[in-house]
Amino acid sequence: MILFMESLNPMPKLTWSKRFKQKFDKWLRKHPELLDVVKEKLKLLAVTPNAHELNNHKLSGKLKEYRAISIDMDHRIVFQYISNDEVLLTSIGTHDEVY
């Protein structure tokens, strides 16, 4: 039964835009201490996207097609669902930087 349920809800593939890669590299140089936290948050996003600790929320205004998760109190990752099985990471930074 577990195998059947997993096949109905496969883990989405996490991909990143060129912009995300550039921002992530720059962000990581400033915040290397948060690398393990980011890894755990991204794993959780792939497995349990609505986990409370992610604070996964829909954005509004010009970013209404996007969602965001919290890395910590100050930092966010912005992403977009491309399909049921793909998530595109688009931005990372402080609240003010990504919104």
C-alpha atoms as a PDB file:
ATOM      1  CA  MET A   1       0.000   0.000   0.000  1.00  0.00           C
ATOM      2  CA  ILE A   2       2.835   2.424   0.809  1.00  0.00           C
ATOM      3  CA  LEU A   3       4.412   1.910  -2.608  1.00  0.00           C
ATOM      4  CA  PHE A   4       1.078   2.628  -4.254  1.00  0.00           C
ATOM      5  CA  MET A   5       0.598   5.839  -2.263  1.00  0.00           C
ATOM      6  CA  GLU A   6       4.137   7.030  -3.066  1.00  0.00           C
ATOM      7  CA  SER A   7       3.556   6.486  -6.763  1.00  0.00           C
ATOM      8  CA  LEU A   8       0.512   8.762  -6.590  1.00  0.00           C
ATOM      9  CA  ASN A   9       2.521  11.541  -4.986  1.00  0.00           C
ATOM     10  CA  PRO A  10       6.121  11.448  -6.279  1.00  0.00           C
ATOM     11  CA  MET A  11       8.669  13.866  -4.919  1.00  0.00           C
ATOM     12  CA  PRO A  12       8.952  16.912  -7.147  1.00  0.00           C
ATOM     13  CA  LYS A  13      12.253  17.580  -8.846  1.00  0.00           C
ATOM     14  CA  LEU A  14      13.909  20.749  -7.567  1.00  0.00           C
ATOM     15  CA  THR A  15      15.540  22.781 -10.319  1.00  0.00           C
ATOM     16  CA  TRP A  16      16.982  26.274 -10.261  1.00  0.00           C
ATOM     17  CA  SER A  17      17.051  29.168 -12.637  1.00  0.00           C
ATOM     18  CA  LYS A  18      20.319  30.762 -13.723  1.00  0.00           C
ATOM     19  CA  ARG A  19      19.360  33.790 -11.609  1.00  0.00           C
ATOM     20  CA  PHE A  20      18.853  31.585  -8.545  1.00  0.00           C
ATOM     21  CA  LYS A  21      22.255  29.953  -9.022  1.00  0.00           C
ATOM     22  CA  GLN A  22      23.955  33.367  -9.197  1.00  0.00           C
ATOM     23  CA  LYS A  23      22.066  34.689  -6.166  1.00  0.00           C
ATOM     24  CA  PHE A  24      22.666  31.479  -4.219  1.00  0.00           C
ATOM     25  CA  ASP A  25      26.431  31.563  -4.814  1.00  0.00           C
ATOM     26  CA  LYS A  26      26.616  35.194  -3.675  1.00  0.00           C
ATOM     27  CA  TRP A  27      24.276  34.574  -0.718  1.00  0.00           C
ATOM     28  CA  LEU A  28      26.245  31.495   0.388  1.00  0.00           C
ATOM     29  CA  ARG A  29      29.508  33.469   0.514  1.00  0.00           C
ATOM     30  CA  LYS A  30      27.817  35.811   3.020  1.00  0.00           C
ATOM     31  CA  HIS A  31      26.023  33.073   4.982  1.00  0.00           C
ATOM     32  CA  PRO A  32      28.030  29.815   4.859  1.00  0.00           C
ATOM     33  CA  GLU A  33      26.706  28.902   8.301  1.00  0.00           C
ATOM     34  CA  LEU A  34      23.225  28.443   6.792  1.00  0.00           C
ATOM     35  CA  LEU A  35      24.168  25.869   4.147  1.00  0.00           C
ATOM     36  CA  ASP A  36      22.988  22.883   6.182  1.00  0.00           C
ATOM     37  CA  VAL A  37      19.736  24.677   7.031  1.00  0.00           C
ATOM     38  CA  VAL A  38      19.087  25.371   3.328  1.00  0.00           C
ATOM     39  CA  LYS A  39      19.779  21.741   2.437  1.00  0.00           C
ATOM     40  CA  GLU A  40      17.303  20.539   5.069  1.00  0.00           C
ATOM     41  CA  LYS A  41      14.637  23.043   4.002  1.00  0.00           C
ATOM     42  CA  LEU A  42      14.971  22.021   0.350  1.00  0.00           C
ATOM     43  CA  LYS A  43      14.737  18.321   1.256  1.00  0.00           C
ATOM     44  CA  LEU A  44      11.621  19.095   3.258  1.00  0.00           C
ATOM     45  CA  LEU A  45      10.163  21.116   0.370  1.00  0.00           C
ATOM     46  CA  ALA A  46      10.612  18.109  -1.912  1.00  0.00           C
ATOM     47  CA  VAL A  47       9.112  15.618   0.541  1.00  0.00           C
ATOM     48  CA  THR A  48       6.571  17.614   2.582  1.00  0.00           C
ATOM     49  CA  PRO A  49       6.007  21.008   0.939  1.00  0.00           C
ATOM     50  CA  ASN A  50       3.363  22.076   3.447  1.00  0.00           C
ATOM     51  CA  ALA A  51       5.450  21.337   6.537  1.00  0.00           C
ATOM     52  CA  HIS A  52       4.839  24.004   9.147  1.00  0.00           C
ATOM     53  CA  GLU A  53       8.549  24.798   9.591  1.00  0.00           C
ATOM     54  CA  LEU A  54       8.831  25.870   5.939  1.00  0.00           C
ATOM     55  CA  ASN A  55       6.176  28.575   6.241  1.00  0.00           C
ATOM     56  CA  ASN A  56       5.368  27.826   2.573  1.00  0.00           C
ATOM     57  CA  HIS A  57       3.171  30.669   1.388  1.00  0.00           C
ATOM     58  CA  LYS A  58       1.776  32.104  -1.814  1.00  0.00           C
ATOM     59  CA  LEU A  59       3.007  35.533  -2.822  1.00  0.00           C
ATOM     60  CA  SER A  60       0.898  38.384  -4.140  1.00  0.00           C
ATOM     61  CA  GLY A  61       1.132  41.310  -6.527  1.00  0.00           C
ATOM     62  CA  LYS A  62       3.742  41.019  -9.243  1.00  0.00           C
ATOM     63  CA  LEU A  63       4.942  37.756  -7.637  1.00  0.00           C
ATOM     64  CA  LYS A  64       1.486  36.135  -7.504  1.00  0.00           C
ATOM     65  CA  GLU A  65       2.661  33.157  -9.593  1.00  0.00           C
ATOM     66  CA  TYR A  66       5.339  32.358  -6.985  1.00  0.00           C
ATOM     67  CA  ARG A  67       5.594  30.936  -3.497  1.00  0.00           C
ATOM     68  CA  ALA A  68       8.230  31.301  -0.772  1.00  0.00           C
ATOM     69  CA  ILE A  69       9.631  29.290   2.113  1.00  0.00           C
ATOM     70  CA  SER A  70      11.545  30.533   5.130  1.00  0.00           C
ATOM     71  CA  ILE A  71      15.155  29.549   5.698  1.00  0.00           C
ATOM     72  CA  ASP A  72      15.189  31.412   8.996  1.00  0.00           C
ATOM     73  CA  MET A  73      13.570  34.574  10.341  1.00  0.00           C
ATOM     74  CA  ASP A  74      15.362  36.795   7.810  1.00  0.00           C
ATOM     75  CA  HIS A  75      15.972  34.687   4.692  1.00  0.00           C
ATOM     76  CA  ARG A  76      13.610  33.264   2.073  1.00  0.00           C
ATOM     77  CA  ILE A  77      13.688  31.078  -1.022  1.00  0.00           C
ATOM     78  CA  VAL A  78      11.233  32.024  -3.760  1.00  0.00           C
ATOM     79  CA  PHE A  79      10.050  29.314  -6.125  1.00  0.00           C
ATOM     80  CA  GLN A  80       7.393  28.399  -8.640  1.00  0.00           C
ATOM     81  CA  TYR A  81       5.599  25.129  -9.282  1.00  0.00           C
ATOM     82  CA  ILE A  82       6.286  24.326 -12.939  1.00  0.00           C
ATOM     83  CA  SER A  83       4.218  21.136 -12.769  1.00  0.00           C
ATOM     84  CA  ASN A  84       3.150  18.571 -10.192  1.00  0.00           C
ATOM     85  CA  ASP A  85       6.605  17.062 -10.350  1.00  0.00           C
ATOM     86  CA  GLU A  86       8.884  20.092 -10.768  1.00  0.00           C
ATOM     87  CA  VAL A  87       9.694  23.088  -8.581  1.00  0.00           C
ATOM     88  CA  LEU A  88      11.779  25.936 -10.018  1.00  0.00           C
ATOM     89  CA  LEU A  89      13.854  27.849  -7.445  1.00  0.00           C
ATOM     90  CA  THR A  90      14.094  31.482  -8.554  1.00  0.00           C
ATOM     91  CA  SER A  91      15.506  33.659  -5.772  1.00  0.00           C
ATOM     92  CA  ILE A  92      17.134  33.598  -2.337  1.00  0.00           C
ATOM     93  CA  GLY A  93      17.861  36.382   0.116  1.00  0.00           C
ATOM     94  CA  THR A  94      16.404  38.505   2.872  1.00  0.00           C
ATOM     95  CA  HIS A  95      12.736  39.405   2.881  1.00  0.00           C
ATOM     96  CA  ASP A  96      13.497  42.821   1.354  1.00  0.00           C
ATOM     97  CA  GLU A  97      15.828  41.363  -1.289  1.00  0.00           C
ATOM     98  CA  VAL A  98      13.444  38.772  -2.681  1.00  0.00           C
ATOM     99  CA  TYR A  99      10.178  40.728  -2.487  1.00  0.00           C
END
